[in-house]
Protein backbone atom coordinates (compact mmCIF):
# COMPACT_ATOMS: atom_id res chain seq x y z
CA MET A 1 0.00 0.00 0.00
CA ALA A 2 1.36 3.41 -0.95
CA SER A 3 2.45 5.65 1.91
CA ARG A 4 0.19 8.52 2.88
CA ASP A 5 1.06 11.89 4.42
CA VAL A 6 -0.19 11.45 7.97
CA THR A 7 0.39 15.10 8.90
CA VAL A 8 -2.89 16.07 7.20
CA LEU A 9 -4.64 14.03 9.91
CA ASP A 10 -3.56 16.63 12.47
CA ASP A 11 -6.19 18.94 10.94
CA PRO A 12 -8.63 16.61 9.16
CA VAL A 13 -11.49 19.12 9.27
CA GLY A 14 -9.54 22.00 7.73
CA ALA A 15 -7.87 19.71 5.18
CA SER A 16 -11.25 18.33 4.13
CA LEU A 17 -12.98 21.71 3.91
CA ARG A 18 -10.17 23.21 1.86
CA GLY A 19 -9.98 20.16 -0.41
CA HIS A 20 -12.44 17.39 -1.20
CA HIS A 21 -15.32 19.03 0.69
CA ALA A 22 -14.74 22.58 -0.56
CA HIS A 23 -18.17 22.51 -2.23
CA LEU A 24 -19.76 21.96 1.21
CA ALA A 25 -17.76 24.69 2.95
CA ARG A 26 -18.41 28.21 4.17
CA ARG A 27 -15.31 30.40 4.40
CA LEU A 28 -14.39 33.81 5.74
CA GLY A 29 -10.71 34.70 5.83
CA ALA A 30 -8.84 31.72 7.29
CA ALA A 31 -11.94 30.43 9.13
CA VAL A 32 -13.91 27.60 7.56
CA THR A 33 -16.91 25.46 8.52
CA TYR A 34 -19.42 23.14 6.90
CA GLN A 35 -22.83 24.20 5.66
CA PRO A 36 -25.26 24.07 8.61
CA GLU A 37 -27.21 20.93 7.71
CA VAL A 38 -24.07 18.98 6.78
CA ALA A 39 -21.94 19.22 9.94
CA THR A 40 -20.88 21.55 12.76
CA PHE A 41 -17.14 20.89 12.32
CA SER A 42 -15.10 24.09 12.05
CA ALA A 43 -11.44 24.98 11.64
CA VAL A 44 -9.05 27.90 11.92
CA SER A 45 -5.31 28.08 11.30
CA ALA A 46 -2.78 26.46 13.63
CA ASP A 47 -2.11 29.79 15.37
CA PRO A 48 -5.33 31.79 14.95
CA ASP A 49 -5.47 35.49 15.70
CA PRO A 50 -8.56 37.27 17.10
CA GLN A 51 -9.76 38.12 13.61
CA GLU A 52 -9.99 34.42 12.67
CA TRP A 53 -12.18 33.72 15.69
CA ALA A 54 -14.32 36.73 14.82
CA ASP A 55 -14.65 35.46 11.24
CA LEU A 56 -15.68 32.00 12.45
CA ALA A 57 -18.24 33.56 14.79
CA ARG A 58 -19.71 35.47 11.84
CA LEU A 59 -19.90 32.26 9.80
CA LEU A 60 -21.66 30.34 12.58
CA GLY A 61 -23.93 33.14 13.73
CA ARG A 62 -24.91 34.14 17.25
CA GLY A 63 -25.05 31.11 19.53
CA GLY A 64 -23.71 28.83 16.80
CA LEU A 65 -22.03 25.53 17.64
CA ALA A 66 -18.41 24.98 16.64
CA ASP A 67 -17.02 21.46 16.89
CA MET A 68 -13.29 22.13 17.10
CA PHE A 69 -11.90 18.65 17.73
CA SER A 70 -9.03 19.10 15.28
CA CYS A 71 -7.99 22.50 16.66
CA ALA A 72 -5.57 22.76 19.58
CA ALA A 73 -6.00 26.52 19.98
CA ALA A 74 -8.48 27.83 22.54
CA PRO A 75 -11.22 30.21 21.38
CA PRO A 76 -11.81 33.61 23.05
CA PRO A 77 -13.02 33.46 26.67
CA ASP A 78 -16.54 34.61 25.76
CA TRP A 79 -17.12 31.44 23.71
CA GLU A 80 -19.20 29.08 25.87
CA PRO A 81 -17.77 25.56 26.36
CA VAL A 82 -20.41 22.96 25.42
CA PHE A 83 -18.59 19.63 25.67
CA VAL A 84 -15.17 18.02 26.10
CA LEU A 85 -14.70 14.35 25.20
CA GLU A 86 -11.46 12.41 25.18
CA GLY A 87 -10.89 10.09 22.25
CA ARG A 88 -8.37 8.68 19.83
CA GLN A 89 -7.60 8.78 16.14
CA MET A 90 -6.99 5.40 14.51
CA THR A 91 -5.60 4.54 11.08
CA TRP A 92 -5.95 1.32 9.11
CA SER A 93 -2.69 -0.64 9.23
CA GLY A 94 -3.40 -3.15 6.49
CA GLY A 95 -3.92 -6.13 8.78
CA GLY A 96 -6.76 -7.32 10.95
CA ALA A 97 -9.29 -10.12 10.89
CA GLY A 98 -11.63 -10.50 7.95
CA ALA A 99 -15.02 -8.85 8.28
CA GLY A 100 -16.91 -11.69 6.63
CA ALA A 101 -19.31 -11.63 3.70
CA ALA A 102 -21.10 -8.37 2.95
CA GLU A 103 -23.90 -9.52 0.66
CA ASP A 104 -26.49 -7.89 2.93
CA VAL A 105 -24.81 -4.46 2.84
CA VAL A 106 -26.72 -1.87 0.80
CA GLU A 107 -26.01 1.73 -0.19
CA LEU A 108 -28.16 4.36 1.50
CA GLY A 109 -29.45 7.17 -0.70
CA ALA A 110 -31.27 10.42 -0.01
CA GLY A 111 -34.53 8.56 0.51
CA SER A 112 -33.03 6.75 3.50
CA VAL A 113 -32.22 9.94 5.45
CA PRO A 114 -35.29 9.77 7.77
CA GLU A 115 -34.36 6.18 8.74
CA MET A 116 -30.72 7.15 9.19
CA LEU A 117 -31.62 10.04 11.48
CA ASP A 118 -33.90 7.76 13.48
CA LEU A 119 -31.18 5.13 13.90
CA VAL A 120 -28.68 7.80 14.96
CA ALA A 121 -31.15 9.17 17.51
CA ARG A 122 -31.52 5.69 19.02
CA THR A 123 -27.82 4.76 19.04
CA ARG A 124 -25.93 8.10 19.33
CA PRO A 125 -22.78 7.25 17.33
CA GLY A 126 -21.82 10.93 17.06
CA PRO A 127 -22.89 14.04 15.14
CA PHE A 128 -25.19 13.35 12.22
CA ARG A 129 -27.37 15.93 10.47
CA PRO A 130 -29.91 15.86 7.61
CA ARG A 131 -27.23 16.41 4.92
CA THR A 132 -24.33 14.52 6.54
CA ARG A 133 -24.68 11.73 3.99
CA GLU A 134 -23.43 14.17 1.32
CA LEU A 135 -19.94 13.83 2.82
CA GLY A 136 -19.47 10.40 1.24
CA ALA A 137 -20.94 6.93 0.77
CA TYR A 138 -23.17 5.53 3.52
CA LEU A 139 -23.91 1.83 3.78
CA GLY A 140 -26.52 -0.02 5.78
CA VAL A 141 -27.96 -3.38 6.73
CA ARG A 142 -31.72 -4.01 6.64
CA ASP A 143 -33.75 -6.61 8.51
CA ASN A 144 -37.19 -7.20 6.98
CA GLY A 145 -36.89 -3.82 5.32
CA ALA A 146 -35.98 -1.89 8.48
CA LEU A 147 -32.58 -0.19 8.73
CA VAL A 148 -30.78 -1.81 11.68
CA ALA A 149 -27.15 -0.81 11.12
CA MET A 150 -25.12 1.70 9.15
CA ALA A 151 -21.70 3.28 8.67
CA GLY A 152 -20.33 5.84 6.26
CA GLU A 153 -17.61 8.17 5.05
CA ARG A 154 -17.11 11.56 6.67
CA LEU A 155 -13.90 13.66 6.61
CA ARG A 156 -11.76 13.48 3.43
CA PRO A 157 -8.28 14.99 3.93
CA PRO A 158 -5.98 14.35 0.95
CA GLY A 159 -5.24 10.63 0.58
CA TRP A 160 -7.55 9.58 3.42
CA THR A 161 -11.21 8.88 4.18
CA GLU A 162 -12.71 8.79 7.66
CA ILE A 163 -15.16 6.02 8.58
CA SER A 164 -17.90 7.33 10.84
CA ALA A 165 -21.50 6.93 12.09
CA VAL A 166 -20.93 3.23 12.83
CA CYS A 167 -24.06 2.16 14.69
CA THR A 168 -26.38 -0.81 15.19
CA ALA A 169 -29.89 -0.85 16.64
CA PRO A 170 -29.97 -2.46 20.12
CA GLY A 171 -32.03 -5.44 19.00
CA ALA A 172 -29.67 -6.24 16.11
CA ARG A 173 -26.35 -6.22 17.94
CA GLY A 174 -24.06 -9.24 18.14
CA ARG A 175 -24.58 -10.28 14.52
CA GLY A 176 -21.42 -8.77 13.03
CA HIS A 177 -23.19 -5.93 11.20
CA ALA A 178 -20.66 -3.26 12.25
CA ALA A 179 -17.70 -5.41 11.20
CA ARG A 180 -19.20 -6.08 7.76
CA LEU A 181 -20.04 -2.41 7.22
CA VAL A 182 -16.59 -1.20 8.24
CA GLY A 183 -15.00 -3.93 6.12
CA ALA A 184 -17.07 -2.90 3.10
CA LEU A 185 -16.06 0.74 3.55
CA VAL A 186 -12.38 -0.18 3.91
CA THR A 187 -12.61 -2.07 0.61
CA ARG A 188 -14.19 0.93 -1.14
CA ILE A 189 -11.67 3.41 0.25
CA LEU A 190 -8.67 1.27 -0.71
CA ALA A 191 -10.10 0.73 -4.20
CA ARG A 192 -9.85 4.44 -4.96
CA GLY A 193 -6.26 4.62 -3.67
CA GLU A 194 -6.99 6.18 -0.28
CA ARG A 195 -6.45 4.95 3.26
CA PRO A 196 -9.10 4.62 6.00
CA PHE A 197 -8.98 6.31 9.39
CA LEU A 198 -11.51 7.02 12.13
CA HIS A 199 -12.14 8.70 15.47
CA VAL A 200 -13.59 7.02 18.54
CA ALA A 201 -14.38 8.07 22.10
CA GLU A 202 -11.86 6.73 24.61
CA ALA A 203 -14.67 5.37 26.79
CA ASN A 204 -16.07 3.26 23.92
CA THR A 205 -13.83 0.28 24.63
CA GLY A 206 -16.04 -2.13 22.69
CA ALA A 207 -15.69 -0.10 19.49
CA ILE A 208 -11.94 0.29 19.98
CA ALA A 209 -11.54 -3.48 20.34
CA LEU A 210 -13.60 -4.04 17.18
CA TYR A 211 -11.54 -1.57 15.16
CA GLU A 212 -8.30 -3.16 16.35
CA ARG A 213 -9.55 -6.57 15.21
CA LEU A 214 -10.32 -5.04 11.81
CA GLY A 215 -6.79 -3.73 11.40
CA PHE A 216 -6.90 -0.22 12.85
CA GLU A 217 -4.22 1.07 15.18
CA THR A 218 -4.10 4.14 17.37
CA ARG A 219 -2.23 7.08 15.85
CA LYS A 220 -2.76 9.63 18.63
CA ALA A 221 -5.06 10.81 21.39
CA VAL A 222 -7.51 13.57 20.47
CA THR A 223 -9.89 15.79 22.40
CA PHE A 224 -13.31 16.52 20.94
CA ARG A 225 -14.36 20.01 22.04
CA GLY A 226 -17.47 22.02 21.31
CA PHE A 227 -18.08 25.74 21.85
CA ARG A 228 -20.98 28.10 21.34
CA THR A 229 -20.31 31.51 19.86
CA PRO A 230 -21.21 34.63 21.89
């Protein structure tokens, strides 16, 4: 597998918004964020000045939410902290156990959004909004027509694709759905010459163990932080 520049993973939000997801971005000066119904992820430069924070506040609007998990800089003191969550960034190493057959994995289109939002509300895998599926391919597993599991592509820094929104309905767990979905996404990402990575909460030990079995290894610790503009 060809080597990939891992330094872009230090700012996956900014690298995505200034590259593959530029068509989904809102920009003002050096500040950048996604369109409101796509995601709340935002980015500034590595050493932002007060003007960058002011520009981001203008983009988000009064009381807007900024998810700054790929930014080490602290916003101005009048930005209200909303959440802090410790996690880790993991990259696919090329090994891992096989995910099994994926014949039951289907692609989820725009018509599946209501079901996807319902599944996310019941399982809480992380941020997911009405237009999040526009970030990349989303796959699912159905049981008697009902969507019971899904996973998809989110951030797209150069040479990489993030796997996200991995979730399974409570009554359908233990059947290997998550492993098959992640395995199917890994196959797709590799087929277009990119490398998979993902983010996971440190407290989600079950998910971390699954990803390690599928060939992911920890690259670094990350802190997911959210702030509300003045």
